[in-house]
C-alpha atoms as a PDB file:
ATOM      1  CA  MET A   1      -0.191   0.083   0.043  1.00  0.00           C
ATOM      2  CA  ALA A   2       1.207   3.343  -0.993  1.00  0.00           C
ATOM      3  CA  LEU A   3       1.665   6.141   1.762  1.00  0.00           C
ATOM      4  CA  ARG A   4       0.465   9.664   0.487  1.00  0.00           C
ATOM      5  CA  SER A   5       1.504  12.711   2.679  1.00  0.00           C
ATOM      6  CA  PHE A   6      -0.441  16.047   2.510  1.00  0.00           C
ATOM      7  CA  ASN A   7      -0.141  19.133   4.307  1.00  0.00           C
ATOM      8  CA  ILE A   8      -3.007  20.631   6.280  1.00  0.00           C
ATOM      9  CA  TYR A   9      -3.927  23.344   3.605  1.00  0.00           C
ATOM     10  CA  GLN A  10      -4.026  20.478   0.791  1.00  0.00           C
ATOM     11  CA  ALA A  11      -6.068  18.259   3.351  1.00  0.00           C
ATOM     12  CA  LYS A  12      -8.534  21.023   3.810  1.00  0.00           C
ATOM     13  CA  ALA A  13      -8.906  21.485  -0.022  1.00  0.00           C
ATOM     14  CA  ASN A  14      -9.310  17.677  -0.713  1.00  0.00           C
ATOM     15  CA  LEU A  15     -10.875  16.380   2.318  1.00  0.00           C
ATOM     16  CA  SER A  16     -13.705  14.594   0.575  1.00  0.00           C
ATOM     17  CA  LYS A  17     -11.202  12.918  -1.880  1.00  0.00           C
ATOM     18  CA  LEU A  18      -8.603  11.931   0.779  1.00  0.00           C
ATOM     19  CA  VAL A  19     -11.711  10.498   2.896  1.00  0.00           C
ATOM     20  CA  ASP A  20     -12.718   8.344  -0.174  1.00  0.00           C
ATOM     21  CA  ALA A  21      -9.142   7.249  -0.718  1.00  0.00           C
ATOM     22  CA  ALA A  22      -8.753   6.042   2.985  1.00  0.00           C
ATOM     23  CA  ALA A  23     -12.116   4.363   2.764  1.00  0.00           C
ATOM     24  CA  ALA A  24     -10.696   2.481  -0.115  1.00  0.00           C
ATOM     25  CA  GLY A  25      -7.755   1.114   2.274  1.00  0.00           C
ATOM     26  CA  GLU A  26      -5.160   3.968   1.380  1.00  0.00           C
ATOM     27  CA  GLU A  27      -3.210   5.492   4.393  1.00  0.00           C
ATOM     28  CA  ILE A  28      -2.871   9.207   4.560  1.00  0.00           C
ATOM     29  CA  VAL A  29      -0.586  11.085   6.279  1.00  0.00           C
ATOM     30  CA  LEU A  30      -1.364  14.683   7.317  1.00  0.00           C
ATOM     31  CA  ALA A  31       1.503  17.157   7.998  1.00  0.00           C
ATOM     32  CA  ARG A  32       2.084  20.615   8.920  1.00  0.00           C
ATOM     33  CA  ASN A  33       5.439  22.190   7.976  1.00  0.00           C
ATOM     34  CA  GLY A  34       6.672  18.614   6.760  1.00  0.00           C
ATOM     35  CA  LYS A  35       6.211  17.174   9.927  1.00  0.00           C
ATOM     36  CA  PRO A  36       3.677  14.134  10.269  1.00  0.00           C
ATOM     37  CA  LEU A  37       0.827  14.892  12.834  1.00  0.00           C
ATOM     38  CA  ALA A  38      -2.030  12.397  12.075  1.00  0.00           C
ATOM     39  CA  ARG A  39      -3.025   9.390   9.759  1.00  0.00           C
ATOM     40  CA  LEU A  40      -6.284   9.000   8.087  1.00  0.00           C
ATOM     41  CA  VAL A  41      -7.059   5.239   7.631  1.00  0.00           C
ATOM     42  CA  PRO A  42     -10.132   3.089   6.846  1.00  0.00           C
ATOM     43  CA  PHE A  43     -12.496   3.191   9.801  1.00  0.00           C
ATOM     44  CA  GLY A  44     -12.686  -0.595  10.138  1.00  0.00           C
ATOM     45  CA  ASP A  45      -9.072  -1.106  10.988  1.00  0.00           C
ATOM     46  CA  PRO A  46      -8.634  -2.843  14.232  1.00  0.00           C
ATOM     47  CA  VAL A  47      -6.203  -0.999  16.653  1.00  0.00           C
ATOM     48  CA  GLN A  48      -3.439  -3.315  18.083  1.00  0.00           C
ATOM     49  CA  PRO A  49      -2.922  -3.463  21.547  1.00  0.00           C
ATOM     50  CA  TRP A  50       0.460  -2.316  22.627  1.00  0.00           C
ATOM     51  CA  HIS A  51       1.255  -5.546  24.147  1.00  0.00           C
ATOM     52  CA  GLY A  52      -0.127  -7.879  21.520  1.00  0.00           C
ATOM     53  CA  ARG A  53      -2.397  -9.517  23.929  1.00  0.00           C
ATOM     54  CA  GLY A  54      -5.830  -8.647  25.234  1.00  0.00           C
ATOM     55  CA  PHE A  55      -6.637  -8.371  29.196  1.00  0.00           C
ATOM     56  CA  GLY A  56      -7.533 -11.941  30.449  1.00  0.00           C
ATOM     57  CA  SER A  57      -5.961 -13.847  27.253  1.00  0.00           C
ATOM     58  CA  ASP A  58      -3.729 -15.610  29.421  1.00  0.00           C
ATOM     59  CA  PRO A  59      -5.345 -19.334  29.619  1.00  0.00           C
ATOM     60  CA  THR A  60      -2.917 -20.411  32.462  1.00  0.00           C
ATOM     61  CA  LEU A  61      -4.244 -17.861  34.785  1.00  0.00           C
ATOM     62  CA  VAL A  62      -6.742 -19.206  37.078  1.00  0.00           C
ATOM     63  CA  VAL A  63      -8.311 -17.168  39.764  1.00  0.00           C
ATOM     64  CA  PRO A  64      -9.024 -19.334  43.051  1.00  0.00           C
ATOM     65  CA  GLU A  65     -12.567 -19.785  44.257  1.00  0.00           C
ATOM     66  CA  ASP A  66     -11.522 -18.196  47.727  1.00  0.00           C
ATOM     67  CA  PHE A  67      -9.895 -15.324  45.879  1.00  0.00           C
ATOM     68  CA  ASP A  68     -12.301 -12.575  47.628  1.00  0.00           C
ATOM     69  CA  ASP A  69     -12.510 -14.287  50.898  1.00  0.00           C
ATOM     70  CA  PRO A  70     -11.530 -12.256  53.874  1.00  0.00           C
ATOM     71  CA  LEU A  71      -7.567 -12.377  54.910  1.00  0.00           C
ATOM     72  CA  PRO A  72      -6.560 -14.382  57.748  1.00  0.00           C
ATOM     73  CA  ALA A  73      -6.124 -12.845  61.110  1.00  0.00           C
ATOM     74  CA  GLU A  74      -2.280 -13.006  60.873  1.00  0.00           C
ATOM     75  CA  VAL A  75      -2.159 -11.434  57.408  1.00  0.00           C
ATOM     76  CA  LEU A  76      -4.408  -8.531  58.369  1.00  0.00           C
ATOM     77  CA  ALA A  77      -2.212  -8.113  61.595  1.00  0.00           C
ATOM     78  CA  SER A  78       0.951  -7.611  59.736  1.00  0.00           C
ATOM     79  CA  PHE A  79      -0.383  -4.533  58.045  1.00  0.00           C
ATOM     80  CA  SER A  80      -0.950  -2.616  61.188  1.00  0.00           C
ATOM     81  CA  LYS A  81       2.554  -3.002  62.305  1.00  0.00           C
END
């Protein structure tokens, strides 16, 4: 996929065409003074999580049945020392 870059002035003048191009799968970079500021991409593109895995996706993690039971007295006492 080719990446095209437009400055803000060009983007304002051609917004409808740029939106159509992005909807068709093209990635458009919007820049100011040659510095990239934003990307215009198709709406349906999923955002990838930064860590590559979703919350709760580790099948080896098991929460025990007594997870939310009150703590034993000796453990609670150690917090007040």
